[in-house]
Amino acid sequence: MKVAISTCGPTPDCMIDERLGRAYWLLVYSFEEDAWEAVDNSANRNAPSNAGYETARSLLTLGVTHVLTGEVGPKAFRFLQQAGVRVFLGASGTAAGALLAWQRGELKETESPNQVGSPFCLTGKKSEIGPRLRLGRAIDETRA
């Protein structure tokens, strides 16, 4: 089992970065190897769009089965969920502390994203995502 944690730095004593897609680093803890792997997330963090989705794709290539973070958007959440990766929200403090909190059952698995994401992502609630674009035309949410 491999657990990924979004962080502000490359070591387990670094603080959680609440944003999965825009996190500075991803720390992956392997229970089989009893070891941490630090992954620089700068390519995804600096992307003009789809940072969460691309970060989620990166996590799959690393063999991650669980994600601990503060926030996850709809595209990343949907991608991880479809791949069978379990997402736990509410991580805070250090990466090592978040891993311990998760092991103690203090972090709850989420069934939905807790960030709206782009206004063009069609998975958020209508009242939260603003206008949608369909066939090149903006459609007012109050009429949709």
N, C-alpha and C. Protein backbone atom coordinates (compact mmCIF):
# COMPACT_ATOMS: atom_id res chain seq x y z
N MET A 1 0.85 -1.18 0.00
CA MET A 1 0.00 0.00 0.00
C MET A 1 0.89 1.24 0.00
N LYS A 2 0.52 2.22 -0.83
CA LYS A 2 1.24 3.48 -0.89
C LYS A 2 0.27 4.63 -0.63
N VAL A 3 0.68 5.52 0.26
CA VAL A 3 -0.13 6.67 0.64
C VAL A 3 0.58 7.94 0.20
N ALA A 4 -0.11 8.79 -0.56
CA ALA A 4 0.45 10.07 -1.00
C ALA A 4 -0.11 11.19 -0.15
N ILE A 5 0.76 12.14 0.18
CA ILE A 5 0.39 13.29 1.00
C ILE A 5 0.88 14.55 0.30
N SER A 6 0.00 15.54 0.13
CA SER A 6 0.40 16.81 -0.49
C SER A 6 1.09 17.67 0.56
N THR A 7 2.32 18.13 0.24
CA THR A 7 3.10 18.88 1.22
C THR A 7 3.76 20.11 0.61
N CYS A 8 4.32 20.93 1.50
CA CYS A 8 5.05 22.13 1.09
C CYS A 8 6.54 21.86 0.94
N GLY A 9 7.00 20.69 1.29
CA GLY A 9 8.42 20.38 1.21
C GLY A 9 8.66 18.90 1.03
N PRO A 10 9.94 18.50 0.85
CA PRO A 10 10.28 17.13 0.48
C PRO A 10 10.54 16.15 1.62
N THR A 11 10.23 16.54 2.86
CA THR A 11 10.49 15.63 3.98
C THR A 11 9.24 15.43 4.82
N PRO A 12 9.15 14.32 5.57
CA PRO A 12 7.95 14.03 6.37
C PRO A 12 7.64 15.06 7.46
N ASP A 13 8.64 15.89 7.82
CA ASP A 13 8.38 16.91 8.84
C ASP A 13 7.89 18.22 8.23
N CYS A 14 7.69 18.24 6.92
CA CYS A 14 7.15 19.43 6.24
C CYS A 14 5.64 19.49 6.41
N MET A 15 5.13 20.70 6.33
CA MET A 15 3.70 20.93 6.53
C MET A 15 2.89 20.48 5.31
N ILE A 16 1.64 20.12 5.59
CA ILE A 16 0.69 19.75 4.54
C ILE A 16 0.43 20.97 3.66
N ASP A 17 0.39 20.76 2.36
CA ASP A 17 -0.10 21.75 1.43
C ASP A 17 -1.53 21.33 1.14
N GLU A 18 -2.48 22.15 1.50
CA GLU A 18 -3.89 21.76 1.40
C GLU A 18 -4.34 21.47 -0.02
N ARG A 19 -3.68 22.04 -1.00
CA ARG A 19 -4.11 21.92 -2.40
C ARG A 19 -3.42 20.73 -3.04
N LEU A 20 -4.16 19.73 -3.40
CA LEU A 20 -3.55 18.56 -4.03
C LEU A 20 -2.86 18.92 -5.34
N GLY A 21 -3.57 19.52 -6.26
CA GLY A 21 -3.01 19.79 -7.58
C GLY A 21 -1.93 20.85 -7.59
N ARG A 22 -1.99 21.79 -6.70
CA ARG A 22 -1.01 22.88 -6.66
C ARG A 22 0.00 22.70 -5.53
N ALA A 23 0.05 21.52 -4.95
CA ALA A 23 1.02 21.23 -3.88
C ALA A 23 2.44 21.35 -4.43
N TYR A 24 3.35 21.81 -3.60
CA TYR A 24 4.74 21.91 -4.00
C TYR A 24 5.38 20.52 -4.14
N TRP A 25 5.06 19.65 -3.20
CA TRP A 25 5.63 18.30 -3.18
C TRP A 25 4.55 17.28 -2.90
N LEU A 26 4.79 16.07 -3.33
CA LEU A 26 3.96 14.92 -2.98
C LEU A 26 4.89 13.93 -2.28
N LEU A 27 4.54 13.56 -1.07
CA LEU A 27 5.31 12.56 -0.36
C LEU A 27 4.54 11.25 -0.42
N VAL A 28 5.21 10.21 -0.82
CA VAL A 28 4.58 8.90 -0.95
C VAL A 28 5.23 7.97 0.07
N TYR A 29 4.39 7.45 0.96
CA TYR A 29 4.90 6.50 1.96
C TYR A 29 4.50 5.09 1.53
N SER A 30 5.49 4.21 1.42
CA SER A 30 5.24 2.81 1.07
C SER A 30 5.31 1.98 2.34
N PHE A 31 4.21 1.32 2.68
CA PHE A 31 4.19 0.46 3.86
C PHE A 31 5.04 -0.79 3.63
N GLU A 32 5.08 -1.29 2.40
CA GLU A 32 5.88 -2.47 2.10
C GLU A 32 7.37 -2.21 2.30
N GLU A 33 7.82 -1.04 1.88
CA GLU A 33 9.24 -0.70 1.97
C GLU A 33 9.57 0.09 3.23
N ASP A 34 8.55 0.54 3.97
CA ASP A 34 8.73 1.40 5.13
C ASP A 34 9.63 2.58 4.77
N ALA A 35 9.27 3.27 3.67
CA ALA A 35 10.11 4.36 3.18
C ALA A 35 9.26 5.45 2.55
N TRP A 36 9.81 6.67 2.59
CA TRP A 36 9.20 7.84 1.96
C TRP A 36 9.86 8.11 0.62
N GLU A 37 9.09 8.57 -0.34
CA GLU A 37 9.61 9.05 -1.61
C GLU A 37 9.06 10.46 -1.82
N ALA A 38 9.95 11.41 -2.11
CA ALA A 38 9.54 12.79 -2.37
C ALA A 38 9.45 13.01 -3.87
N VAL A 39 8.33 13.57 -4.32
CA VAL A 39 8.10 13.84 -5.74
C VAL A 39 7.83 15.33 -5.91
N ASP A 40 8.68 15.99 -6.66
CA ASP A 40 8.51 17.41 -6.95
C ASP A 40 7.30 17.57 -7.87
N ASN A 41 6.35 18.37 -7.46
CA ASN A 41 5.11 18.56 -8.22
C ASN A 41 5.11 19.87 -8.99
N SER A 42 6.30 20.46 -9.24
CA SER A 42 6.34 21.78 -9.86
C SER A 42 5.75 21.81 -11.27
N ALA A 43 5.92 20.74 -12.04
CA ALA A 43 5.35 20.74 -13.40
C ALA A 43 3.84 20.87 -13.36
N ASN A 44 3.19 20.15 -12.45
CA ASN A 44 1.73 20.23 -12.33
C ASN A 44 1.32 21.51 -11.61
N ARG A 45 2.04 21.89 -10.57
CA ARG A 45 1.71 23.08 -9.79
C ARG A 45 1.69 24.32 -10.66
N ASN A 46 2.62 24.42 -11.61
CA ASN A 46 2.74 25.61 -12.44
C ASN A 46 1.93 25.54 -13.73
N ALA A 47 1.20 24.48 -13.94
CA ALA A 47 0.40 24.34 -15.16
C ALA A 47 -0.73 25.38 -15.16
N PRO A 48 -1.05 25.95 -16.30
CA PRO A 48 -2.12 26.94 -16.35
C PRO A 48 -3.50 26.35 -16.07
N SER A 49 -3.67 25.04 -16.31
CA SER A 49 -4.95 24.40 -16.03
C SER A 49 -4.71 22.91 -15.80
N ASN A 50 -5.72 22.24 -15.26
CA ASN A 50 -5.70 20.79 -15.02
C ASN A 50 -4.62 20.33 -14.04
N ALA A 51 -4.21 21.19 -13.12
CA ALA A 51 -3.16 20.82 -12.16
C ALA A 51 -3.57 19.62 -11.31
N GLY A 52 -4.80 19.61 -10.83
CA GLY A 52 -5.27 18.51 -10.00
C GLY A 52 -5.35 17.21 -10.77
N TYR A 53 -5.88 17.27 -11.96
CA TYR A 53 -6.01 16.08 -12.80
C TYR A 53 -4.63 15.50 -13.12
N GLU A 54 -3.69 16.36 -13.52
CA GLU A 54 -2.35 15.89 -13.86
C GLU A 54 -1.62 15.35 -12.63
N THR A 55 -1.84 15.96 -11.49
CA THR A 55 -1.26 15.44 -10.25
C THR A 55 -1.83 14.07 -9.94
N ALA A 56 -3.13 13.90 -10.11
CA ALA A 56 -3.76 12.60 -9.89
C ALA A 56 -3.18 11.55 -10.82
N ARG A 57 -2.95 11.90 -12.07
CA ARG A 57 -2.33 10.97 -13.03
C ARG A 57 -0.93 10.58 -12.57
N SER A 58 -0.18 11.56 -12.07
CA SER A 58 1.16 11.28 -11.56
C SER A 58 1.12 10.30 -10.40
N LEU A 59 0.14 10.48 -9.53
CA LEU A 59 0.02 9.59 -8.37
C LEU A 59 -0.26 8.15 -8.80
N LEU A 60 -1.05 7.99 -9.85
CA LEU A 60 -1.33 6.63 -10.34
C LEU A 60 -0.07 5.96 -10.87
N THR A 61 0.77 6.71 -11.55
CA THR A 61 2.01 6.12 -12.07
C THR A 61 2.95 5.70 -10.95
N LEU A 62 2.77 6.30 -9.77
CA LEU A 62 3.59 5.93 -8.61
C LEU A 62 3.00 4.76 -7.83
N GLY A 63 1.82 4.30 -8.23
CA GLY A 63 1.20 3.16 -7.56
C GLY A 63 0.49 3.51 -6.26
N VAL A 64 0.08 4.76 -6.12
CA VAL A 64 -0.59 5.24 -4.91
C VAL A 64 -1.98 4.61 -4.79
N THR A 65 -2.34 4.20 -3.58
CA THR A 65 -3.67 3.62 -3.33
C THR A 65 -4.54 4.51 -2.45
N HIS A 66 -3.89 5.45 -1.72
CA HIS A 66 -4.60 6.36 -0.81
C HIS A 66 -3.97 7.75 -0.93
N VAL A 67 -4.80 8.79 -0.82
CA VAL A 67 -4.33 10.17 -0.87
C VAL A 67 -4.82 10.89 0.38
N LEU A 68 -3.90 11.60 1.05
CA LEU A 68 -4.25 12.43 2.20
C LEU A 68 -3.96 13.87 1.82
N THR A 69 -4.97 14.71 1.90
CA THR A 69 -4.81 16.11 1.49
C THR A 69 -5.84 16.96 2.20
N GLY A 70 -5.78 18.25 1.96
CA GLY A 70 -6.76 19.16 2.53
C GLY A 70 -7.91 19.41 1.58
N GLU A 71 -7.59 19.58 0.30
CA GLU A 71 -8.60 19.92 -0.70
C GLU A 71 -8.37 19.13 -1.98
N VAL A 72 -9.46 18.75 -2.62
CA VAL A 72 -9.38 18.09 -3.92
C VAL A 72 -10.52 18.60 -4.80
N GLY A 73 -10.18 18.90 -6.04
CA GLY A 73 -11.17 19.40 -6.99
C GLY A 73 -11.90 18.26 -7.69
N PRO A 74 -12.90 18.58 -8.47
CA PRO A 74 -13.74 17.57 -9.09
C PRO A 74 -13.05 16.68 -10.13
N LYS A 75 -12.19 17.26 -10.96
CA LYS A 75 -11.53 16.43 -11.98
C LYS A 75 -10.58 15.43 -11.34
N ALA A 76 -9.75 15.91 -10.42
CA ALA A 76 -8.80 15.03 -9.74
C ALA A 76 -9.55 13.97 -8.94
N PHE A 77 -10.59 14.37 -8.23
CA PHE A 77 -11.34 13.42 -7.42
C PHE A 77 -11.96 12.33 -8.29
N ARG A 78 -12.61 12.75 -9.37
CA ARG A 78 -13.25 11.79 -10.26
C ARG A 78 -12.23 10.80 -10.84
N PHE A 79 -11.09 11.32 -11.26
CA PHE A 79 -10.04 10.46 -11.82
C PHE A 79 -9.53 9.46 -10.78
N LEU A 80 -9.25 9.93 -9.58
CA LEU A 80 -8.75 9.05 -8.52
C LEU A 80 -9.81 8.02 -8.13
N GLN A 81 -11.03 8.45 -7.99
CA GLN A 81 -12.12 7.55 -7.60
C GLN A 81 -12.30 6.44 -8.65
N GLN A 82 -12.29 6.81 -9.92
CA GLN A 82 -12.46 5.82 -10.99
C GLN A 82 -11.30 4.82 -11.02
N ALA A 83 -10.13 5.25 -10.56
CA ALA A 83 -8.96 4.38 -10.53
C ALA A 83 -8.90 3.54 -9.25
N GLY A 84 -9.86 3.76 -8.35
CA GLY A 84 -9.88 2.99 -7.10
C GLY A 84 -9.00 3.54 -6.00
N VAL A 85 -8.50 4.77 -6.17
CA VAL A 85 -7.68 5.41 -5.14
C VAL A 85 -8.61 6.07 -4.13
N ARG A 86 -8.39 5.78 -2.87
CA ARG A 86 -9.22 6.34 -1.81
C ARG A 86 -8.66 7.69 -1.37
N VAL A 87 -9.53 8.70 -1.23
CA VAL A 87 -9.12 10.06 -0.91
C VAL A 87 -9.63 10.42 0.49
N PHE A 88 -8.72 10.94 1.31
CA PHE A 88 -9.04 11.35 2.67
C PHE A 88 -8.72 12.83 2.81
N LEU A 89 -9.70 13.60 3.26
CA LEU A 89 -9.56 15.05 3.39
C LEU A 89 -9.37 15.44 4.85
N GLY A 90 -8.95 16.68 5.03
CA GLY A 90 -8.78 17.21 6.38
C GLY A 90 -7.39 17.04 6.93
N ALA A 91 -6.44 16.62 6.09
CA ALA A 91 -5.06 16.46 6.56
C ALA A 91 -4.50 17.83 6.93
N SER A 92 -3.78 17.88 8.03
CA SER A 92 -3.15 19.13 8.47
C SER A 92 -1.91 18.79 9.28
N GLY A 93 -1.14 19.81 9.60
CA GLY A 93 0.10 19.60 10.34
C GLY A 93 1.20 19.12 9.41
N THR A 94 2.03 18.22 9.91
CA THR A 94 3.11 17.68 9.09
C THR A 94 2.65 16.44 8.33
N ALA A 95 3.43 16.06 7.33
CA ALA A 95 3.10 14.85 6.58
C ALA A 95 3.13 13.62 7.48
N ALA A 96 4.15 13.52 8.34
CA ALA A 96 4.25 12.38 9.25
C ALA A 96 3.06 12.37 10.21
N GLY A 97 2.66 13.54 10.70
CA GLY A 97 1.51 13.64 11.60
C GLY A 97 0.22 13.26 10.91
N ALA A 98 0.08 13.67 9.65
CA ALA A 98 -1.13 13.32 8.89
C ALA A 98 -1.20 11.81 8.66
N LEU A 99 -0.06 11.20 8.39
CA LEU A 99 -0.04 9.75 8.19
C LEU A 99 -0.47 9.03 9.47
N LEU A 100 0.03 9.50 10.61
CA LEU A 100 -0.37 8.90 11.90
C LEU A 100 -1.85 9.12 12.17
N ALA A 101 -2.35 10.33 11.89
CA ALA A 101 -3.77 10.62 12.09
C ALA A 101 -4.63 9.69 11.22
N TRP A 102 -4.21 9.48 9.99
CA TRP A 102 -4.94 8.57 9.09
C TRP A 102 -4.92 7.15 9.63
N GLN A 103 -3.77 6.70 10.12
CA GLN A 103 -3.66 5.35 10.66
C GLN A 103 -4.55 5.17 11.89
N ARG A 104 -4.74 6.24 12.65
CA ARG A 104 -5.61 6.18 13.84
C ARG A 104 -7.09 6.34 13.49
N GLY A 105 -7.39 6.54 12.21
CA GLY A 105 -8.77 6.69 11.77
C GLY A 105 -9.34 8.08 11.98
N GLU A 106 -8.49 9.07 12.14
CA GLU A 106 -8.93 10.44 12.40
C GLU A 106 -9.28 11.21 11.13
N LEU A 107 -8.86 10.70 9.98
CA LEU A 107 -9.22 11.33 8.71
C LEU A 107 -10.30 10.49 8.05
N LYS A 108 -11.29 11.12 7.56
CA LYS A 108 -12.43 10.41 6.97
C LYS A 108 -12.32 10.39 5.45
N GLU A 109 -12.64 9.25 4.89
CA GLU A 109 -12.65 9.12 3.44
C GLU A 109 -13.79 9.97 2.88
N THR A 110 -13.50 10.65 1.79
CA THR A 110 -14.51 11.51 1.19
C THR A 110 -15.22 10.80 0.04
N GLU A 111 -16.44 11.21 -0.19
CA GLU A 111 -17.22 10.68 -1.31
C GLU A 111 -17.41 11.71 -2.40
N SER A 112 -16.84 12.91 -2.18
CA SER A 112 -16.98 13.98 -3.17
C SER A 112 -15.85 14.98 -3.00
N PRO A 113 -15.60 15.79 -4.05
CA PRO A 113 -14.57 16.82 -3.93
C PRO A 113 -15.04 17.91 -2.97
N ASN A 114 -14.09 18.63 -2.40
CA ASN A 114 -14.47 19.75 -1.53
C ASN A 114 -14.03 21.09 -2.11
N GLN A 115 -13.59 21.07 -3.36
CA GLN A 115 -13.30 22.30 -4.08
C GLN A 115 -14.10 22.26 -5.38
N VAL A 116 -14.53 23.41 -5.83
CA VAL A 116 -15.36 23.48 -7.02
C VAL A 116 -14.55 23.24 -8.28
N GLY A 117 -13.32 23.71 -8.31
CA GLY A 117 -12.51 23.57 -9.52
C GLY A 117 -12.83 24.67 -10.51
N SER A 118 -12.45 24.46 -11.73
CA SER A 118 -12.66 25.43 -12.79
C SER A 118 -14.15 25.66 -13.02
N PRO A 119 -14.53 26.88 -13.42
CA PRO A 119 -15.94 27.10 -13.75
C PRO A 119 -16.39 26.30 -14.97
N PHE A 120 -15.47 25.72 -15.69
CA PHE A 120 -15.82 24.93 -16.86
C PHE A 120 -15.89 23.44 -16.56
N CYS A 121 -15.61 23.07 -15.31
CA CYS A 121 -15.71 21.67 -14.90
C CYS A 121 -17.17 21.41 -14.54
N LEU A 122 -17.78 20.44 -15.17
CA LEU A 122 -19.21 20.26 -15.06
C LEU A 122 -19.66 19.36 -13.92
N THR A 123 -18.78 19.11 -12.93
CA THR A 123 -19.17 18.21 -11.85
C THR A 123 -19.59 18.92 -10.58
N GLY A 124 -19.39 20.24 -10.49
CA GLY A 124 -19.76 20.96 -9.28
C GLY A 124 -21.26 21.22 -9.23
N LYS A 125 -21.72 21.73 -8.11
CA LYS A 125 -23.13 22.09 -7.99
C LYS A 125 -23.39 23.33 -8.82
N LYS A 126 -24.56 23.41 -9.41
CA LYS A 126 -24.88 24.53 -10.28
C LYS A 126 -24.69 25.87 -9.60
N SER A 127 -25.10 26.00 -8.36
CA SER A 127 -25.01 27.28 -7.69
C SER A 127 -23.58 27.66 -7.35
N GLU A 128 -22.65 26.73 -7.44
CA GLU A 128 -21.27 27.01 -7.05
C GLU A 128 -20.32 27.24 -8.23
N ILE A 129 -20.68 26.82 -9.42
CA ILE A 129 -19.68 26.88 -10.48
C ILE A 129 -19.91 27.97 -11.51
N GLY A 130 -20.98 28.72 -11.43
CA GLY A 130 -21.18 29.81 -12.35
C GLY A 130 -21.60 29.33 -13.73
N PRO A 131 -21.40 30.17 -14.75
CA PRO A 131 -21.85 29.81 -16.10
C PRO A 131 -21.09 28.62 -16.67
N ARG A 132 -21.78 27.85 -17.46
CA ARG A 132 -21.17 26.72 -18.17
C ARG A 132 -21.12 27.08 -19.65
N LEU A 133 -20.18 26.49 -20.33
CA LEU A 133 -20.11 26.69 -21.78
C LEU A 133 -20.57 25.42 -22.47
N ARG A 134 -21.51 25.57 -23.37
CA ARG A 134 -21.99 24.44 -24.17
C ARG A 134 -22.07 24.91 -25.61
N LEU A 135 -21.47 24.16 -26.48
CA LEU A 135 -21.50 24.48 -27.90
C LEU A 135 -21.05 25.92 -28.16
N GLY A 136 -20.08 26.38 -27.36
CA GLY A 136 -19.50 27.70 -27.58
C GLY A 136 -20.32 28.86 -27.05
N ARG A 137 -21.43 28.59 -26.36
CA ARG A 137 -22.26 29.67 -25.83
C ARG A 137 -22.38 29.54 -24.32
N ALA A 138 -22.29 30.65 -23.62
CA ALA A 138 -22.48 30.65 -22.18
C ALA A 138 -23.96 30.47 -21.88
N ILE A 139 -24.26 29.64 -20.89
CA ILE A 139 -25.64 29.42 -20.49
C ILE A 139 -25.78 29.84 -19.04
N ASP A 140 -26.70 30.69 -18.76
CA ASP A 140 -26.96 31.16 -17.40
C ASP A 140 -27.45 29.99 -16.57
N GLU A 141 -26.83 29.79 -15.39
CA GLU A 141 -27.19 28.67 -14.52
C GLU A 141 -28.63 28.74 -14.03
N THR A 142 -29.18 29.93 -13.92
CA THR A 142 -30.56 30.02 -13.44
C THR A 142 -31.54 29.49 -14.47
N ARG A 143 -31.12 29.41 -15.73
CA ARG A 143 -31.99 28.90 -16.79
C ARG A 143 -31.63 27.48 -17.19
N ALA A 144 -30.50 26.97 -16.68
CA ALA A 144 -30.03 25.63 -17.09
C ALA A 144 -30.81 24.53 -16.44
